[in-house]
């Protein structure tokens, strides 16, 4: 199972060009969905307006070298190490899901485009990384879903309570889970492997096709927001922002606890 390419095995029933076309369509959906999300929510417009506003409030200038250093720190700490999460459990779960997703998607594309049939042997490491990526998604995702979410861990809500914002994590978990199930059943020549593959494709289509309605696009906005925050702290504009008109005397520990999650 771990060394087999499930996409090559199924090429006898689904031509490789069909699977390759599917991958391209999913890429187009992600790009188009992200652009639509940006235009519909006016995220880019708000970001650049806020950036200009912070420059006007700046108390000191930042050199090109300082900006490059801030950008590098943002890339390493915020983007690659998820430093925005104060809670170590949430950070680990997020890193497992994030890098698992990257490995899972990358190896899927490699297997479908470079090793689409059994005639072209797939290197064992590629198949192993595909399974590892899916497993990392499952470990990080289910850990987050059942034990770390704010509304579950801090507010005591049921882990089975679902809102629209959960579309991304649920479709991602379903895609990885059914992918692993499909690979296992196929390796054992189980007749249910076709159903597992169908569920994997449905979940994957929902994952990449629901970008405008899920949190998928946030992964592109978060590094920019983190860089903006670092720049504002460096040029003093964040310190020059006016205090809120009303500051409640008792915000309660629940809000602080939620922030740590």
C-alpha atoms as a PDB file:
ATOM      1  CA  UNK A   1       0.000   0.000   0.000  1.00  0.00           C
ATOM      2  CA  UNK A   2       2.613   2.550   1.091  1.00  0.00           C
ATOM      3  CA  UNK A   3       4.801   2.036  -1.975  1.00  0.00           C
ATOM      4  CA  UNK A   4       2.031   1.831  -4.596  1.00  0.00           C
ATOM      5  CA  UNK A   5       0.687   4.652  -6.741  1.00  0.00           C
ATOM      6  CA  UNK A   6      -3.115   4.357  -6.488  1.00  0.00           C
ATOM      7  CA  UNK A   7      -3.610   6.725  -9.431  1.00  0.00           C
ATOM      8  CA  UNK A   8      -1.516   4.519 -11.706  1.00  0.00           C
ATOM      9  CA  UNK A   9      -3.461   1.449 -10.644  1.00  0.00           C
ATOM     10  CA  UNK A  10      -6.777   3.054 -11.536  1.00  0.00           C
ATOM     11  CA  UNK A  11      -5.550   4.215 -14.958  1.00  0.00           C
ATOM     12  CA  UNK A  12      -7.028   1.047 -16.478  1.00  0.00           C
ATOM     13  CA  UNK A  13     -10.480   2.477 -15.799  1.00  0.00           C
ATOM     14  CA  UNK A  14      -9.822   6.229 -15.938  1.00  0.00           C
ATOM     15  CA  UNK A  15      -7.451   7.480 -18.678  1.00  0.00           C
ATOM     16  CA  UNK A  16      -4.508   9.505 -17.354  1.00  0.00           C
ATOM     17  CA  UNK A  17      -5.538  12.577 -19.385  1.00  0.00           C
ATOM     18  CA  UNK A  18      -8.854  12.655 -17.494  1.00  0.00           C
ATOM     19  CA  UNK A  19      -7.091  12.749 -14.130  1.00  0.00           C
ATOM     20  CA  UNK A  20      -4.604  15.322 -15.405  1.00  0.00           C
ATOM     21  CA  UNK A  21      -7.418  17.509 -16.690  1.00  0.00           C
ATOM     22  CA  UNK A  22      -9.131  17.197 -13.320  1.00  0.00           C
ATOM     23  CA  UNK A  23      -6.012  18.443 -11.509  1.00  0.00           C
ATOM     24  CA  UNK A  24      -5.743  21.432 -13.864  1.00  0.00           C
ATOM     25  CA  UNK A  25      -9.413  22.275 -13.322  1.00  0.00           C
ATOM     26  CA  UNK A  26      -8.888  22.183  -9.546  1.00  0.00           C
ATOM     27  CA  UNK A  27      -5.945  24.584  -9.904  1.00  0.00           C
ATOM     28  CA  UNK A  28      -8.080  26.952 -11.970  1.00  0.00           C
ATOM     29  CA  UNK A  29     -10.839  26.778  -9.347  1.00  0.00           C
ATOM     30  CA  UNK A  30      -8.385  27.730  -6.595  1.00  0.00           C
ATOM     31  CA  UNK A  31      -6.986  30.682  -8.565  1.00  0.00           C
ATOM     32  CA  UNK A  32     -10.400  31.857  -9.706  1.00  0.00           C
ATOM     33  CA  UNK A  33     -11.947  31.341  -6.275  1.00  0.00           C
ATOM     34  CA  UNK A  34      -9.175  33.301  -4.574  1.00  0.00           C
ATOM     35  CA  UNK A  35      -9.529  36.194  -7.020  1.00  0.00           C
ATOM     36  CA  UNK A  36     -13.301  36.183  -6.580  1.00  0.00           C
ATOM     37  CA  UNK A  37     -12.943  36.075  -2.791  1.00  0.00           C
ATOM     38  CA  UNK A  38     -10.532  39.009  -2.897  1.00  0.00           C
ATOM     39  CA  UNK A  39     -12.819  41.100  -5.105  1.00  0.00           C
ATOM     40  CA  UNK A  40     -16.056  40.146  -3.364  1.00  0.00           C
ATOM     41  CA  UNK A  41     -14.790  40.790   0.162  1.00  0.00           C
ATOM     42  CA  UNK A  42     -12.603  43.695  -1.015  1.00  0.00           C
ATOM     43  CA  UNK A  43      -9.712  42.225   0.971  1.00  0.00           C
ATOM     44  CA  UNK A  44      -6.973  43.656  -1.238  1.00  0.00           C
ATOM     45  CA  UNK A  45      -8.613  47.099  -1.301  1.00  0.00           C
ATOM     46  CA  UNK A  46      -8.877  47.144   2.491  1.00  0.00           C
ATOM     47  CA  UNK A  47      -5.299  45.881   2.873  1.00  0.00           C
ATOM     48  CA  UNK A  48      -3.739  48.615   0.701  1.00  0.00           C
ATOM     49  CA  UNK A  49      -5.920  51.318   2.244  1.00  0.00           C
ATOM     50  CA  UNK A  50      -4.866  50.249   5.719  1.00  0.00           C
ATOM     51  CA  UNK A  51      -1.226  50.066   4.558  1.00  0.00           C
ATOM     52  CA  UNK A  52      -1.354  53.707   3.336  1.00  0.00           C
ATOM     53  CA  UNK A  53      -3.043  54.774   6.562  1.00  0.00           C
ATOM     54  CA  UNK A  54      -0.344  53.150   8.686  1.00  0.00           C
ATOM     55  CA  UNK A  55       2.366  54.904   6.654  1.00  0.00           C
ATOM     56  CA  UNK A  56       0.762  58.259   7.476  1.00  0.00           C
ATOM     57  CA  UNK A  57       0.773  57.384  11.172  1.00  0.00           C
ATOM     58  CA  UNK A  58       4.388  56.166  11.147  1.00  0.00           C
ATOM     59  CA  UNK A  59       6.750  57.903  13.559  1.00  0.00           C
ATOM     60  CA  UNK A  60       9.913  56.648  11.839  1.00  0.00           C
ATOM     61  CA  UNK A  61      11.002  55.407   8.454  1.00  0.00           C
ATOM     62  CA  UNK A  62      11.992  51.848   7.642  1.00  0.00           C
ATOM     63  CA  UNK A  63      14.963  51.251   5.378  1.00  0.00           C
ATOM     64  CA  UNK A  64      14.942  48.744   2.538  1.00  0.00           C
ATOM     65  CA  UNK A  65      17.204  46.481   4.570  1.00  0.00           C
ATOM     66  CA  UNK A  66      14.880  46.613   7.578  1.00  0.00           C
ATOM     67  CA  UNK A  67      11.892  45.827   5.365  1.00  0.00           C
ATOM     68  CA  UNK A  68      13.716  42.864   3.837  1.00  0.00           C
ATOM     69  CA  UNK A  69      14.528  41.611   7.334  1.00  0.00           C
ATOM     70  CA  UNK A  70      10.886  41.964   8.391  1.00  0.00           C
ATOM     71  CA  UNK A  71       9.756  40.114   5.259  1.00  0.00           C
ATOM     72  CA  UNK A  72      12.247  37.316   5.941  1.00  0.00           C
ATOM     73  CA  UNK A  73      11.110  36.993   9.558  1.00  0.00           C
ATOM     74  CA  UNK A  74       7.495  36.919   8.403  1.00  0.00           C
ATOM     75  CA  UNK A  75       8.278  34.137   5.954  1.00  0.00           C
ATOM     76  CA  UNK A  76      10.120  32.009   8.519  1.00  0.00           C
ATOM     77  CA  UNK A  77       8.215  32.702  11.744  1.00  0.00           C
ATOM     78  CA  UNK A  78       4.673  33.413  10.581  1.00  0.00           C
ATOM     79  CA  UNK A  79       4.380  31.523   7.287  1.00  0.00           C
ATOM     80  CA  UNK A  80       6.642  28.489   7.765  1.00  0.00           C
ATOM     81  CA  UNK A  81       6.461  28.075  11.560  1.00  0.00           C
ATOM     82  CA  UNK A  82       2.936  29.457  12.219  1.00  0.00           C
ATOM     83  CA  UNK A  83       4.286  31.761  14.928  1.00  0.00           C
ATOM     84  CA  UNK A  84       0.962  33.602  15.234  1.00  0.00           C
ATOM     85  CA  UNK A  85      -0.418  30.738  17.326  1.00  0.00           C
ATOM     86  CA  UNK A  86       0.347  31.232  21.017  1.00  0.00           C
ATOM     87  CA  UNK A  87      -0.968  27.804  21.979  1.00  0.00           C
ATOM     88  CA  UNK A  88       1.666  25.175  21.214  1.00  0.00           C
ATOM     89  CA  UNK A  89      -0.924  22.433  20.621  1.00  0.00           C
ATOM     90  CA  UNK A  90      -2.716  24.490  18.008  1.00  0.00           C
ATOM     91  CA  UNK A  91       0.566  25.398  16.341  1.00  0.00           C
ATOM     92  CA  UNK A  92       1.664  21.761  16.101  1.00  0.00           C
ATOM     93  CA  UNK A  93      -1.748  20.700  14.777  1.00  0.00           C
ATOM     94  CA  UNK A  94      -1.671  23.514  12.233  1.00  0.00           C
ATOM     95  CA  UNK A  95       1.852  22.654  11.086  1.00  0.00           C
ATOM     96  CA  UNK A  96       0.922  18.989  10.676  1.00  0.00           C
ATOM     97  CA  UNK A  97      -2.090  19.924   8.579  1.00  0.00           C
ATOM     98  CA  UNK A  98      -0.298  22.605   6.570  1.00  0.00           C
ATOM     99  CA  UNK A  99       2.781  20.603   5.614  1.00  0.00           C
ATOM    100  CA  UNK A 100       0.715  17.468   5.195  1.00  0.00           C
ATOM    101  CA  UNK A 101      -1.491  19.348   2.738  1.00  0.00           C
ATOM    102  CA  UNK A 102       1.516  20.647   0.783  1.00  0.00           C
ATOM    103  CA  UNK A 103       3.086  17.176   0.554  1.00  0.00           C
ATOM    104  CA  UNK A 104      -0.257  15.530  -0.261  1.00  0.00           C
ATOM    105  CA  UNK A 105      -1.084  17.928  -3.102  1.00  0.00           C
ATOM    106  CA  UNK A 106       2.453  18.018  -4.523  1.00  0.00           C
ATOM    107  CA  UNK A 107       2.855  14.241  -4.621  1.00  0.00           C
ATOM    108  CA  UNK A 108      -0.636  13.843  -6.084  1.00  0.00           C
ATOM    109  CA  UNK A 109       0.370  16.080  -8.997  1.00  0.00           C
ATOM    110  CA  UNK A 110       3.692  14.244  -9.391  1.00  0.00           C
ATOM    111  CA  UNK A 111       2.046  10.829  -9.509  1.00  0.00           C
ATOM    112  CA  UNK A 112      -0.698  11.891 -11.915  1.00  0.00           C
ATOM    113  CA  UNK A 113       1.499  13.818 -14.362  1.00  0.00           C
ATOM    114  CA  UNK A 114       4.830  11.979 -14.157  1.00  0.00           C
ATOM    115  CA  UNK A 115       3.826   8.403 -13.293  1.00  0.00           C
ATOM    116  CA  UNK A 116       0.255   8.060 -14.572  1.00  0.00           C
ATOM    117  CA  UNK A 117       0.362   4.349 -15.475  1.00  0.00           C
ATOM    118  CA  UNK A 118       1.973   1.173 -14.093  1.00  0.00           C
ATOM    119  CA  UNK A 119       4.221   1.139 -17.201  1.00  0.00           C
ATOM    120  CA  UNK A 120       6.143   4.039 -15.651  1.00  0.00           C
ATOM    121  CA  UNK A 121       7.269   2.814 -12.199  1.00  0.00           C
ATOM    122  CA  UNK A 122       6.587   5.287  -9.428  1.00  0.00           C
ATOM    123  CA  UNK A 123       9.518   5.804  -7.016  1.00  0.00           C
ATOM    124  CA  UNK A 124       8.598   4.363  -3.632  1.00  0.00           C
ATOM    125  CA  UNK A 125       9.469   7.636  -1.879  1.00  0.00           C
ATOM    126  CA  UNK A 126       6.809   9.519  -3.861  1.00  0.00           C
ATOM    127  CA  UNK A 127       4.064   7.094  -2.868  1.00  0.00           C
ATOM    128  CA  UNK A 128       5.285   7.030   0.722  1.00  0.00           C
ATOM    129  CA  UNK A 129       5.230  10.831   0.902  1.00  0.00           C
ATOM    130  CA  UNK A 130       1.679  10.861  -0.501  1.00  0.00           C
ATOM    131  CA  UNK A 131       0.500   8.545   2.266  1.00  0.00           C
ATOM    132  CA  UNK A 132       2.535  10.437   4.877  1.00  0.00           C
ATOM    133  CA  UNK A 133       1.027  13.753   3.781  1.00  0.00           C
ATOM    134  CA  UNK A 134      -2.507  12.367   4.054  1.00  0.00           C
ATOM    135  CA  UNK A 135      -1.708  10.906   7.477  1.00  0.00           C
ATOM    136  CA  UNK A 136      -0.297  14.225   8.710  1.00  0.00           C
ATOM    137  CA  UNK A 137      -3.499  15.972   7.603  1.00  0.00           C
ATOM    138  CA  UNK A 138      -5.588  13.441   9.501  1.00  0.00           C
ATOM    139  CA  UNK A 139      -3.520  13.652  12.699  1.00  0.00           C
ATOM    140  CA  UNK A 140      -3.399  17.448  12.773  1.00  0.00           C
ATOM    141  CA  UNK A 141      -6.956  17.926  11.514  1.00  0.00           C
ATOM    142  CA  UNK A 142      -8.761  15.471  13.799  1.00  0.00           C
ATOM    143  CA  UNK A 143      -6.692  16.615  16.770  1.00  0.00           C
ATOM    144  CA  UNK A 144      -7.737  20.197  16.085  1.00  0.00           C
ATOM    145  CA  UNK A 145     -11.371  19.311  15.359  1.00  0.00           C
ATOM    146  CA  UNK A 146     -12.074  17.229  18.464  1.00  0.00           C
ATOM    147  CA  UNK A 147      -9.747  18.730  21.078  1.00  0.00           C
ATOM    148  CA  UNK A 148      -8.367  22.172  20.207  1.00  0.00           C
ATOM    149  CA  UNK A 149     -11.146  24.242  18.599  1.00  0.00           C
ATOM    150  CA  UNK A 150     -12.153  27.227  20.723  1.00  0.00           C
ATOM    151  CA  UNK A 151     -15.867  26.428  20.722  1.00  0.00           C
ATOM    152  CA  UNK A 152     -15.104  22.851  21.810  1.00  0.00           C
ATOM    153  CA  UNK A 153     -12.188  23.292  24.219  1.00  0.00           C
ATOM    154  CA  UNK A 154     -13.085  26.681  25.732  1.00  0.00           C
ATOM    155  CA  UNK A 155     -16.842  26.941  25.286  1.00  0.00           C
ATOM    156  CA  UNK A 156     -17.830  23.322  25.727  1.00  0.00           C
ATOM    157  CA  UNK A 157     -19.805  22.984  22.492  1.00  0.00           C
ATOM    158  CA  UNK A 158     -20.236  19.653  20.755  1.00  0.00           C
ATOM    159  CA  UNK A 159     -17.379  18.718  18.385  1.00  0.00           C
ATOM    160  CA  UNK A 160     -20.063  17.750  15.863  1.00  0.00           C
ATOM    161  CA  UNK A 161     -21.437  21.293  15.642  1.00  0.00           C
ATOM    162  CA  UNK A 162     -20.737  22.504  12.090  1.00  0.00           C
ATOM    163  CA  UNK A 163     -20.818  26.007  10.581  1.00  0.00           C
ATOM    164  CA  UNK A 164     -19.913  27.230   7.098  1.00  0.00           C
ATOM    165  CA  UNK A 165     -16.429  28.252   8.210  1.00  0.00           C
ATOM    166  CA  UNK A 166     -15.692  24.561   8.845  1.00  0.00           C
ATOM    167  CA  UNK A 167     -16.076  23.708   5.154  1.00  0.00           C
ATOM    168  CA  UNK A 168     -12.343  23.867   4.471  1.00  0.00           C
ATOM    169  CA  UNK A 169     -11.120  21.681   7.320  1.00  0.00           C
ATOM    170  CA  UNK A 170     -13.906  19.122   6.895  1.00  0.00           C
ATOM    171  CA  UNK A 171     -13.442  18.744   3.135  1.00  0.00           C
ATOM    172  CA  UNK A 172      -9.663  18.527   3.621  1.00  0.00           C
ATOM    173  CA  UNK A 173     -10.046  15.826   6.248  1.00  0.00           C
ATOM    174  CA  UNK A 174     -12.527  13.930   4.074  1.00  0.00           C
ATOM    175  CA  UNK A 175     -10.197  14.112   1.062  1.00  0.00           C
ATOM    176  CA  UNK A 176      -7.201  12.787   3.016  1.00  0.00           C
ATOM    177  CA  UNK A 177      -9.202  10.166   4.903  1.00  0.00           C
ATOM    178  CA  UNK A 178     -10.955   8.730   1.869  1.00  0.00           C
ATOM    179  CA  UNK A 179      -7.662   8.870  -0.029  1.00  0.00           C
ATOM    180  CA  UNK A 180      -6.024   6.625   2.553  1.00  0.00           C
ATOM    181  CA  UNK A 181      -9.045   4.317   2.694  1.00  0.00           C
ATOM    182  CA  UNK A 182      -9.090   4.080  -1.099  1.00  0.00           C
ATOM    183  CA  UNK A 183      -5.379   3.229  -1.262  1.00  0.00           C
ATOM    184  CA  UNK A 184      -5.758   0.543   1.404  1.00  0.00           C
ATOM    185  CA  UNK A 185      -8.814  -1.061  -0.228  1.00  0.00           C
ATOM    186  CA  UNK A 186      -7.237  -0.936  -3.677  1.00  0.00           C
ATOM    187  CA  UNK A 187      -4.022  -2.567  -2.432  1.00  0.00           C
ATOM    188  CA  UNK A 188      -6.148  -5.406  -1.024  1.00  0.00           C
ATOM    189  CA  UNK A 189      -8.290  -5.722  -4.170  1.00  0.00           C
ATOM    190  CA  UNK A 190     -11.396  -4.836  -2.197  1.00  0.00           C
ATOM    191  CA  UNK A 191     -14.531  -4.174  -4.241  1.00  0.00           C
ATOM    192  CA  UNK A 192     -15.326  -1.127  -2.102  1.00  0.00           C
ATOM    193  CA  UNK A 193     -12.268   0.739  -3.397  1.00  0.00           C
ATOM    194  CA  UNK A 194     -14.344   2.333  -6.179  1.00  0.00           C
ATOM    195  CA  UNK A 195     -16.716   3.890  -3.637  1.00  0.00           C
ATOM    196  CA  UNK A 196     -13.802   5.171  -1.546  1.00  0.00           C
ATOM    197  CA  UNK A 197     -12.230   6.720  -4.656  1.00  0.00           C
ATOM    198  CA  UNK A 198     -15.531   8.405  -5.559  1.00  0.00           C
ATOM    199  CA  UNK A 199     -15.827   9.882  -2.055  1.00  0.00           C
ATOM    200  CA  UNK A 200     -12.201  11.041  -2.269  1.00  0.00           C
ATOM    201  CA  UNK A 201     -12.916  12.841  -5.553  1.00  0.00           C
ATOM    202  CA  UNK A 202     -16.127  14.419  -4.210  1.00  0.00           C
ATOM    203  CA  UNK A 203     -14.360  15.691  -1.077  1.00  0.00           C
ATOM    204  CA  UNK A 204     -11.428  17.014  -3.118  1.00  0.00           C
ATOM    205  CA  UNK A 205     -13.780  18.806  -5.519  1.00  0.00           C
ATOM    206  CA  UNK A 206     -15.563  20.441  -2.594  1.00  0.00           C
ATOM    207  CA  UNK A 207     -12.210  21.418  -1.069  1.00  0.00           C
ATOM    208  CA  UNK A 208     -10.908  23.214  -4.168  1.00  0.00           C
ATOM    209  CA  UNK A 209     -14.252  24.325  -5.552  1.00  0.00           C
ATOM    210  CA  UNK A 210     -15.484  26.035  -2.388  1.00  0.00           C
ATOM    211  CA  UNK A 211     -12.669  28.566  -2.041  1.00  0.00           C
ATOM    212  CA  UNK A 212     -14.998  31.623  -2.076  1.00  0.00           C
ATOM    213  CA  UNK A 213     -17.072  30.170   0.779  1.00  0.00           C
ATOM    214  CA  UNK A 214     -14.404  28.539   2.931  1.00  0.00           C
ATOM    215  CA  UNK A 215     -11.216  29.627   4.677  1.00  0.00           C
ATOM    216  CA  UNK A 216      -8.997  28.305   1.887  1.00  0.00           C
ATOM    217  CA  UNK A 217      -8.083  31.787   0.627  1.00  0.00           C
ATOM    218  CA  UNK A 218      -6.949  32.833   4.116  1.00  0.00           C
ATOM    219  CA  UNK A 219      -3.664  31.006   3.646  1.00  0.00           C
ATOM    220  CA  UNK A 220      -2.752  33.594   1.000  1.00  0.00           C
ATOM    221  CA  UNK A 221      -3.828  36.611   3.083  1.00  0.00           C
ATOM    222  CA  UNK A 222      -2.310  35.673   6.440  1.00  0.00           C
ATOM    223  CA  UNK A 223       1.369  36.213   5.510  1.00  0.00           C
ATOM    224  CA  UNK A 224       0.539  39.654   4.088  1.00  0.00           C
ATOM    225  CA  UNK A 225      -1.345  40.593   7.258  1.00  0.00           C
ATOM    226  CA  UNK A 226       1.546  39.327   9.413  1.00  0.00           C
ATOM    227  CA  UNK A 227       4.042  41.408   7.407  1.00  0.00           C
ATOM    228  CA  UNK A 228       1.845  44.468   7.756  1.00  0.00           C
ATOM    229  CA  UNK A 229       1.709  44.006  11.525  1.00  0.00           C
ATOM    230  CA  UNK A 230       5.501  43.732  11.770  1.00  0.00           C
ATOM    231  CA  UNK A 231       5.964  46.861   9.647  1.00  0.00           C
ATOM    232  CA  UNK A 232       3.493  48.817  11.785  1.00  0.00           C
ATOM    233  CA  UNK A 233       5.299  47.783  14.956  1.00  0.00           C
ATOM    234  CA  UNK A 234       8.657  48.765  13.436  1.00  0.00           C
ATOM    235  CA  UNK A 235       7.602  52.190  12.115  1.00  0.00           C
ATOM    236  CA  UNK A 236       5.592  53.070  15.228  1.00  0.00           C
ATOM    237  CA  UNK A 237       2.232  53.425  13.473  1.00  0.00           C
ATOM    238  CA  UNK A 238       0.646  50.680  15.560  1.00  0.00           C
ATOM    239  CA  UNK A 239       1.502  52.582  18.756  1.00  0.00           C
ATOM    240  CA  UNK A 240      -0.035  55.742  17.322  1.00  0.00           C
ATOM    241  CA  UNK A 241      -3.468  54.227  16.781  1.00  0.00           C
ATOM    242  CA  UNK A 242      -6.152  55.787  19.002  1.00  0.00           C
ATOM    243  CA  UNK A 243      -7.395  53.797  21.995  1.00  0.00           C
ATOM    244  CA  UNK A 244     -10.931  52.366  21.826  1.00  0.00           C
ATOM    245  CA  UNK A 245     -13.601  54.779  23.048  1.00  0.00           C
ATOM    246  CA  UNK A 246     -14.981  52.266  25.526  1.00  0.00           C
ATOM    247  CA  UNK A 247     -12.827  49.651  27.205  1.00  0.00           C
ATOM    248  CA  UNK A 248     -14.956  47.220  29.231  1.00  0.00           C
ATOM    249  CA  UNK A 249     -13.615  46.796  32.720  1.00  0.00           C
ATOM    250  CA  UNK A 250     -13.934  43.035  32.733  1.00  0.00           C
ATOM    251  CA  UNK A 251     -13.330  41.199  29.491  1.00  0.00           C
ATOM    252  CA  UNK A 252     -13.200  37.897  31.321  1.00  0.00           C
ATOM    253  CA  UNK A 253     -10.736  35.093  31.093  1.00  0.00           C
ATOM    254  CA  UNK A 254     -12.757  33.342  28.385  1.00  0.00           C
ATOM    255  CA  UNK A 255     -11.698  35.876  25.769  1.00  0.00           C
ATOM    256  CA  UNK A 256      -8.059  35.574  26.802  1.00  0.00           C
ATOM    257  CA  UNK A 257      -8.393  31.809  26.745  1.00  0.00           C
ATOM    258  CA  UNK A 258      -9.946  31.918  23.283  1.00  0.00           C
ATOM    259  CA  UNK A 259      -7.048  34.043  22.053  1.00  0.00           C
ATOM    260  CA  UNK A 260      -4.595  31.390  23.161  1.00  0.00           C
ATOM    261  CA  UNK A 261      -6.416  28.824  21.106  1.00  0.00           C
END
